[in-house]
Protein backbone atom coordinates (compact mmCIF):
# COMPACT_ATOMS: atom_id res chain seq x y z
CA UNK A 1 0.35 -0.23 0.09
CA UNK A 2 1.29 3.28 -0.98
CA UNK A 3 2.03 5.69 1.74
CA UNK A 4 -0.18 9.00 0.94
CA UNK A 5 0.69 10.77 3.95
CA UNK A 6 2.27 14.45 3.35
CA UNK A 7 5.68 14.53 3.24
CA UNK A 8 8.09 16.03 5.95
CA UNK A 9 9.24 19.66 4.96
CA UNK A 10 13.21 19.43 5.11
CA UNK A 11 15.07 21.63 8.17
CA UNK A 12 17.73 24.02 7.89
CA UNK A 13 20.23 21.04 9.61
CA UNK A 14 19.40 18.81 6.43
CA UNK A 15 19.98 21.28 4.21
CA UNK A 16 23.27 22.14 5.76
CA UNK A 17 24.46 18.24 6.06
CA UNK A 18 23.51 17.71 1.95
CA UNK A 19 25.75 20.66 1.03
CA UNK A 20 28.42 19.97 3.99
CA UNK A 21 27.92 23.16 5.30
CA UNK A 22 27.00 24.75 8.81
CA UNK A 23 23.77 25.78 9.45
CA UNK A 24 24.79 29.43 10.28
CA UNK A 25 26.05 29.10 6.37
CA UNK A 26 22.75 28.23 5.12
CA UNK A 27 20.80 30.86 6.88
CA UNK A 28 23.21 33.52 5.71
CA UNK A 29 22.41 32.34 2.29
CA UNK A 30 18.70 32.40 2.79
CA UNK A 31 19.31 36.27 3.88
CA UNK A 32 21.85 37.08 1.18
CA UNK A 33 23.04 35.17 -1.42
CA UNK A 34 25.93 36.94 -2.38
CA UNK A 35 27.59 36.96 1.23
CA UNK A 36 28.48 33.58 0.23
CA UNK A 37 31.95 32.71 -1.82
CA UNK A 38 30.45 31.15 -5.28
CA UNK A 39 31.74 27.73 -4.62
CA UNK A 40 29.94 27.57 -1.04
CA UNK A 41 26.56 29.19 -2.83
CA UNK A 42 26.20 26.55 -4.95
CA UNK A 43 26.39 24.05 -2.96
CA UNK A 44 23.57 25.49 -0.49
CA UNK A 45 21.51 26.41 -3.29
CA UNK A 46 21.98 22.53 -4.89
CA UNK A 47 20.81 21.09 -1.40
CA UNK A 48 18.01 23.95 -1.05
CA UNK A 49 16.61 23.00 -4.43
CA UNK A 50 17.51 18.94 -3.99
CA UNK A 51 15.97 19.09 -0.62
CA UNK A 52 12.88 21.77 -1.90
CA UNK A 53 13.67 23.61 1.65
CA UNK A 54 10.79 26.10 1.95
CA UNK A 55 12.36 28.34 5.09
CA UNK A 56 9.89 28.71 8.16
CA UNK A 57 9.53 32.57 7.60
CA UNK A 58 7.23 33.28 10.43
CA UNK A 59 10.08 31.67 12.79
CA UNK A 60 12.96 33.46 11.04
CA UNK A 61 11.12 36.93 11.67
CA UNK A 62 10.90 36.46 14.73
CA UNK A 63 14.35 35.77 15.55
CA UNK A 64 15.27 38.66 12.77
CA UNK A 65 12.46 41.14 12.78
CA UNK A 66 12.96 41.09 8.97
CA UNK A 67 10.48 39.50 6.13
CA UNK A 68 11.10 42.38 3.91
CA UNK A 69 7.41 42.17 3.29
CA UNK A 70 4.85 44.93 3.48
CA UNK A 71 0.52 44.54 3.34
CA UNK A 72 -1.68 47.09 1.61
CA UNK A 73 -5.18 46.13 3.19
CA UNK A 74 -8.29 47.66 1.28
CA UNK A 75 -11.90 47.84 1.06
CA UNK A 76 -13.14 45.36 -1.21
CA UNK A 77 -15.34 47.35 -4.14
CA UNK A 78 -15.40 48.43 -8.20
CA UNK A 79 -13.32 50.54 -7.88
CA UNK A 80 -10.19 48.82 -7.59
CA UNK A 81 -6.83 51.39 -7.57
CA UNK A 82 -4.88 49.64 -9.99
CA UNK A 83 -2.44 52.69 -10.99
CA UNK A 84 -2.05 54.04 -6.92
CA UNK A 85 -1.45 50.14 -6.10
CA UNK A 86 1.03 49.38 -9.34
CA UNK A 87 2.91 52.56 -7.66
CA UNK A 88 2.99 51.54 -4.31
CA UNK A 89 4.13 48.21 -4.90
CA UNK A 90 7.24 49.61 -7.27
CA UNK A 91 8.14 51.93 -4.48
CA UNK A 92 8.26 48.93 -1.86
CA UNK A 93 10.19 46.53 -4.18
CA UNK A 94 13.09 49.50 -5.02
CA UNK A 95 13.08 49.36 -1.37
CA UNK A 96 13.78 46.08 -1.09
CA UNK A 97 10.02 44.74 0.04
CA UNK A 98 7.69 42.61 -1.61
CA UNK A 99 4.09 43.56 -1.26
CA UNK A 100 0.74 41.31 -0.31
CA UNK A 101 -2.24 43.00 -1.57
CA UNK A 102 -5.49 42.15 1.09
CA UNK A 103 -8.82 42.99 -0.07
CA UNK A 104 -11.22 42.58 2.87
CA UNK A 105 -14.75 42.57 2.45
CA UNK A 106 -16.88 44.36 4.91
CA UNK A 107 -16.60 47.43 6.81
CA UNK A 108 -13.80 49.08 9.30
CA UNK A 109 -14.37 46.61 12.11
CA UNK A 110 -13.25 43.28 9.37
CA UNK A 111 -10.52 45.22 8.25
CA UNK A 112 -9.47 45.97 11.43
CA UNK A 113 -9.43 42.46 12.28
CA UNK A 114 -7.69 41.64 9.44
CA UNK A 115 -4.97 44.00 10.20
CA UNK A 116 -4.80 42.88 13.73
CA UNK A 117 -4.03 39.11 12.44
CA UNK A 118 -1.56 40.52 10.00
CA UNK A 119 0.42 42.26 12.53
CA UNK A 120 0.67 39.37 14.99
CA UNK A 121 1.65 36.87 12.07
CA UNK A 122 5.05 37.86 12.01
CA UNK A 123 5.26 37.87 8.34
CA UNK A 124 5.08 41.18 7.61
CA UNK A 125 7.13 44.41 9.01
CA UNK A 126 4.23 47.22 8.22
CA UNK A 127 0.87 47.52 6.90
CA UNK A 128 -0.65 50.35 4.63
CA UNK A 129 -4.58 50.55 5.07
CA UNK A 130 -6.15 52.73 2.07
CA UNK A 131 -9.80 52.62 3.54
CA UNK A 132 -10.55 53.33 7.10
CA UNK A 133 -9.82 50.94 10.29
CA UNK A 134 -10.04 51.61 13.84
CA UNK A 135 -6.43 50.78 14.90
CA UNK A 136 -4.27 54.43 13.99
CA UNK A 137 -1.19 55.20 12.32
CA UNK A 138 1.17 53.80 15.03
CA UNK A 139 3.08 50.68 16.21
CA UNK A 140 0.79 48.07 17.08
CA UNK A 141 1.81 44.51 17.99
CA UNK A 142 5.01 45.35 16.63
CA UNK A 143 4.67 46.67 13.47
CA UNK A 144 4.19 49.71 12.44
CA UNK A 145 0.17 50.50 10.74
CA UNK A 146 -0.15 53.43 8.53
CA UNK A 147 -4.06 54.57 7.93
CA UNK A 148 -3.86 56.84 4.60
CA UNK A 149 -7.42 57.50 4.25
CA UNK A 150 -7.36 57.46 0.49
CA UNK A 151 -10.75 55.22 0.23
CA UNK A 152 -13.70 54.74 1.79
CA UNK A 153 -15.52 51.06 2.92
CA UNK A 154 -16.49 51.10 -1.01
CA UNK A 155 -13.36 52.29 -2.57
CA UNK A 156 -15.25 55.35 -3.42
CA UNK A 157 -12.05 58.39 -3.28
CA UNK A 158 -11.27 60.17 -0.19
CA UNK A 159 -9.12 63.29 0.65
CA UNK A 160 -7.12 64.37 -2.28
CA UNK A 161 -9.24 62.60 -4.82
CA UNK A 162 -12.27 63.91 -3.82
CA UNK A 163 -10.89 67.63 -3.94
CA UNK A 164 -12.92 70.02 -6.48
CA UNK A 165 -10.34 72.88 -6.36
CA UNK A 166 -9.72 72.13 -10.00
CA UNK A 167 -13.23 72.80 -10.57
CA UNK A 168 -12.65 76.65 -9.96
CA UNK A 169 -9.72 76.76 -11.94
CA UNK A 170 -11.71 75.14 -15.12
CA UNK A 171 -14.88 77.68 -14.89
CA UNK A 172 -12.14 80.73 -14.33
CA UNK A 173 -10.75 79.34 -17.58
CA UNK A 174 -13.14 79.06 -19.72
CA UNK A 175 -15.02 82.47 -17.86
CA UNK A 176 -11.42 84.17 -19.23
CA UNK A 177 -12.20 82.60 -22.91
CA UNK A 178 -15.77 84.87 -22.83
CA UNK A 179 -17.60 81.77 -21.94
CA UNK A 180 -20.55 82.90 -19.58
CA UNK A 181 -23.62 80.24 -19.62
CA UNK A 182 -22.23 76.83 -18.30
CA UNK A 183 -23.84 73.49 -17.44
CA UNK A 184 -22.90 70.97 -14.85
CA UNK A 185 -23.04 66.76 -15.24
CA UNK A 186 -22.16 65.59 -11.99
CA UNK A 187 -21.47 62.08 -10.99
CA UNK A 188 -23.17 60.27 -8.10
CA UNK A 189 -23.88 62.73 -5.73
CA UNK A 190 -25.71 60.63 -3.55
CA UNK A 191 -22.73 58.29 -3.02
CA UNK A 192 -19.54 60.16 -3.89
CA UNK A 193 -18.38 62.69 -2.12
CA UNK A 194 -16.11 63.71 -5.06
CA UNK A 195 -19.61 64.58 -7.13
CA UNK A 196 -20.76 66.33 -4.19
CA UNK A 197 -17.72 68.49 -3.97
CA UNK A 198 -17.00 69.16 -7.42
CA UNK A 199 -21.03 69.86 -7.86
CA UNK A 200 -20.72 72.54 -4.91
CA UNK A 201 -17.46 74.16 -5.50
CA UNK A 202 -19.14 74.78 -9.05
CA UNK A 203 -22.07 76.44 -7.80
CA UNK A 204 -20.04 78.33 -5.28
CA UNK A 205 -17.75 79.82 -8.35
CA UNK A 206 -20.48 80.73 -10.74
CA UNK A 207 -22.39 82.88 -8.18
CA UNK A 208 -18.96 84.48 -7.47
CA UNK A 209 -18.02 85.29 -11.10
CA UNK A 210 -21.53 86.59 -11.99
CA UNK A 211 -21.85 83.54 -14.39
CA UNK A 212 -24.81 82.13 -15.41
CA UNK A 213 -25.62 77.80 -15.50
CA UNK A 214 -27.93 76.41 -17.09
CA UNK A 215 -28.26 74.10 -13.99
CA UNK A 216 -26.87 70.52 -12.17
CA UNK A 217 -27.70 67.53 -13.80
CA UNK A 218 -27.69 64.58 -11.61
CA UNK A 219 -25.72 62.17 -12.90
CA UNK A 220 -24.20 58.73 -12.54
CA UNK A 221 -20.43 58.66 -13.95
CA UNK A 222 -21.60 57.36 -17.40
CA UNK A 223 -21.46 58.75 -21.06
CA UNK A 224 -25.49 58.13 -21.61
CA UNK A 225 -25.94 60.84 -18.95
CA UNK A 226 -23.52 63.25 -20.65
CA UNK A 227 -25.36 62.05 -23.61
CA UNK A 228 -29.27 62.76 -22.22
CA UNK A 229 -28.19 65.85 -20.49
CA UNK A 230 -27.38 67.94 -23.76
CA UNK A 231 -30.38 66.46 -26.06
CA UNK A 232 -32.56 67.54 -22.76
CA UNK A 233 -31.74 71.39 -23.41
CA UNK A 234 -34.01 73.80 -25.03
CA UNK A 235 -33.34 74.77 -28.64
CA UNK A 236 -32.94 78.11 -27.47
CA UNK A 237 -30.14 77.54 -25.08
CA UNK A 238 -27.17 79.70 -24.57
CA UNK A 239 -25.20 77.20 -23.06
CA UNK A 240 -21.54 77.10 -24.38
CA UNK A 241 -19.78 75.36 -21.73
CA UNK A 242 -20.19 72.21 -19.56
CA UNK A 243 -18.12 70.99 -16.77
CA UNK A 244 -18.60 67.14 -16.75
CA UNK A 245 -17.96 64.86 -13.76
CA UNK A 246 -15.09 62.39 -15.87
CA UNK A 247 -13.79 62.14 -18.94
CA UNK A 248 -16.84 59.21 -19.66
CA UNK A 249 -19.21 61.96 -18.94
CA UNK A 250 -17.76 64.66 -21.33
CA UNK A 251 -17.46 61.52 -24.09
CA UNK A 252 -21.09 61.09 -23.57
CA UNK A 253 -21.44 65.39 -23.57
CA UNK A 254 -19.37 65.74 -26.85
CA UNK A 255 -21.95 62.75 -28.64
CA UNK A 256 -24.48 64.54 -27.54
CA UNK A 257 -23.39 67.67 -29.06
CA UNK A 258 -22.73 66.12 -32.11
CA UNK A 259 -26.26 64.44 -32.32
CA UNK A 260 -27.49 67.96 -32.46
CA UNK A 261 -25.19 69.43 -34.89
CA UNK A 262 -23.47 71.35 -32.58
CA UNK A 263 -19.37 71.18 -33.20
CA UNK A 264 -16.78 70.95 -30.03
CA UNK A 265 -15.68 73.04 -29.44
CA UNK A 266 -17.16 75.51 -32.11
CA UNK A 267 -20.26 75.61 -30.24
CA UNK A 268 -19.43 73.44 -27.29
CA UNK A 269 -16.57 73.54 -24.68
CA UNK A 270 -16.12 70.33 -22.50
CA UNK A 271 -13.97 69.86 -19.70
CA UNK A 272 -13.68 66.42 -18.60
CA UNK A 273 -11.84 64.87 -15.17
CA UNK A 274 -9.19 61.82 -14.57
CA UNK A 275 -7.59 62.24 -17.76
CA UNK A 276 -8.41 58.92 -19.58
CA UNK A 277 -6.90 57.47 -22.20
CA UNK A 278 -9.56 57.40 -24.37
CA UNK A 279 -9.82 61.12 -23.94
CA UNK A 280 -6.05 61.73 -24.69
CA UNK A 281 -7.01 60.12 -28.47
CA UNK A 282 -10.80 61.17 -29.34
CA UNK A 283 -11.59 63.62 -31.55
CA UNK A 284 -11.31 66.34 -30.51
CA UNK A 285 -8.93 65.15 -27.57
CA UNK A 286 -10.33 65.96 -24.56
CA UNK A 287 -9.60 69.03 -21.94
CA UNK A 288 -9.61 67.62 -18.46
CA UNK A 289 -8.16 67.40 -14.95
CA UNK A 290 -5.19 64.79 -14.77
CA UNK A 291 -4.82 62.87 -11.24
CA UNK A 292 -1.53 61.72 -10.55
CA UNK A 293 -2.75 58.58 -7.98
CA UNK A 294 0.57 57.18 -8.78
CA UNK A 295 1.84 60.05 -6.20
CA UNK A 296 -0.37 58.99 -3.78
CA UNK A 297 0.66 55.58 -3.94
CA UNK A 298 4.66 56.54 -3.82
CA UNK A 299 3.72 58.53 -0.98
CA UNK A 300 2.09 56.23 1.23
CA UNK A 301 4.81 53.57 0.82
CA UNK A 302 7.65 56.17 1.90
CA UNK A 303 5.35 56.84 5.55
CA UNK A 304 5.24 53.55 5.76
CA UNK A 305 8.91 53.01 5.21
CA UNK A 306 9.62 55.66 7.73
CA UNK A 307 7.83 54.22 10.10
CA UNK A 308 9.40 50.90 9.60
CA UNK A 309 13.11 52.52 9.63
CA UNK A 310 11.97 55.05 12.81
CA UNK A 311 12.85 58.03 10.75
CA UNK A 312 10.67 61.21 10.88
CA UNK A 313 7.82 61.06 8.68
CA UNK A 314 8.46 62.36 4.90
CA UNK A 315 7.12 66.37 4.16
CA UNK A 316 3.87 66.40 2.55
CA UNK A 317 4.01 66.98 -1.11
CA UNK A 318 4.18 70.58 -2.17
CA UNK A 319 2.11 70.06 -5.23
CA UNK A 320 -1.43 69.00 -5.46
CA UNK A 321 -1.73 65.57 -7.21
CA UNK A 322 -4.78 67.66 -9.71
CA UNK A 323 -3.50 69.45 -12.61
CA UNK A 324 -5.84 70.67 -15.81
CA UNK A 325 -4.23 69.73 -19.11
CA UNK A 326 -5.67 71.69 -21.96
CA UNK A 327 -6.65 70.12 -25.25
CA UNK A 328 -9.04 70.45 -27.97
CA UNK A 329 -12.29 70.28 -26.51
CA UNK A 330 -11.72 74.05 -25.16
CA UNK A 331 -12.25 77.09 -27.06
CA UNK A 332 -13.60 80.65 -27.27
CA UNK A 333 -17.28 80.51 -27.88
CA UNK A 334 -18.25 81.21 -31.61
CA UNK A 335 -19.12 85.14 -31.86
CA UNK A 336 -22.97 85.33 -32.50
């Protein structure tokens, strides 16, 4: 009868015996291969592969306090922040760390429990929480935990991602071109702080500059709402500029203008948000707000690394992650 019981994992002493070296030499190999002479390194590497040796990371971390691993914890949702996470991972890798990305369903309590589990495991040296947790940014359970406050429980943007300052700049720029009557097609104001903030700044700026608004059309971040908003304008509308919630909505606005026989930007100037690739190559190319999500990822990891190393927190960035990009979809209004 064949013994189906799992094979016992090899030990570091067995690896040392096969390689003809001490177990401390094997340990040095696992921590820094280049610290060994080439001949010794080859012998240890052969023994490790032959025995399929897998080091006990938990035990090693308890001895050395170093695993060269970080964890990034965030809520589970449809709006996965791929660009931010990619930049955060690259920054960690450049500093010599591997990254585990942990998506947790549920609210702050569920994420906090997972963070606590990771902190106690001994497998990571630090944890970055992108969504809210009940633990604050301090050393807990022997590892640093940094909470960035970048996303909420549904991965909707908070903090800088929800900032709407650039709406003020957009309207001031379009007004400088001669536009006087505006329309705003918003995002999902019921569920997104960013949509509410952009709407509020739009209304405040229109009033402050003494401009006219044809209203705020409640949207859902989709192209259809932009398209429908333009078709719903009356035949005698004086709207010459639209501030769209994002580039997708802006594309719908452009299509709606074309359906009415208008030209963009001849009859209607359109400004988007996000600087999506499709907007750069559309006809006309979209004026928009570029959002440097990569910078957010880099900054968050640098904060965590400073905590791990016991260094002062890096100074906050002096520049906003958002900046206006002017392209073909905006121009002075057509005279007459």
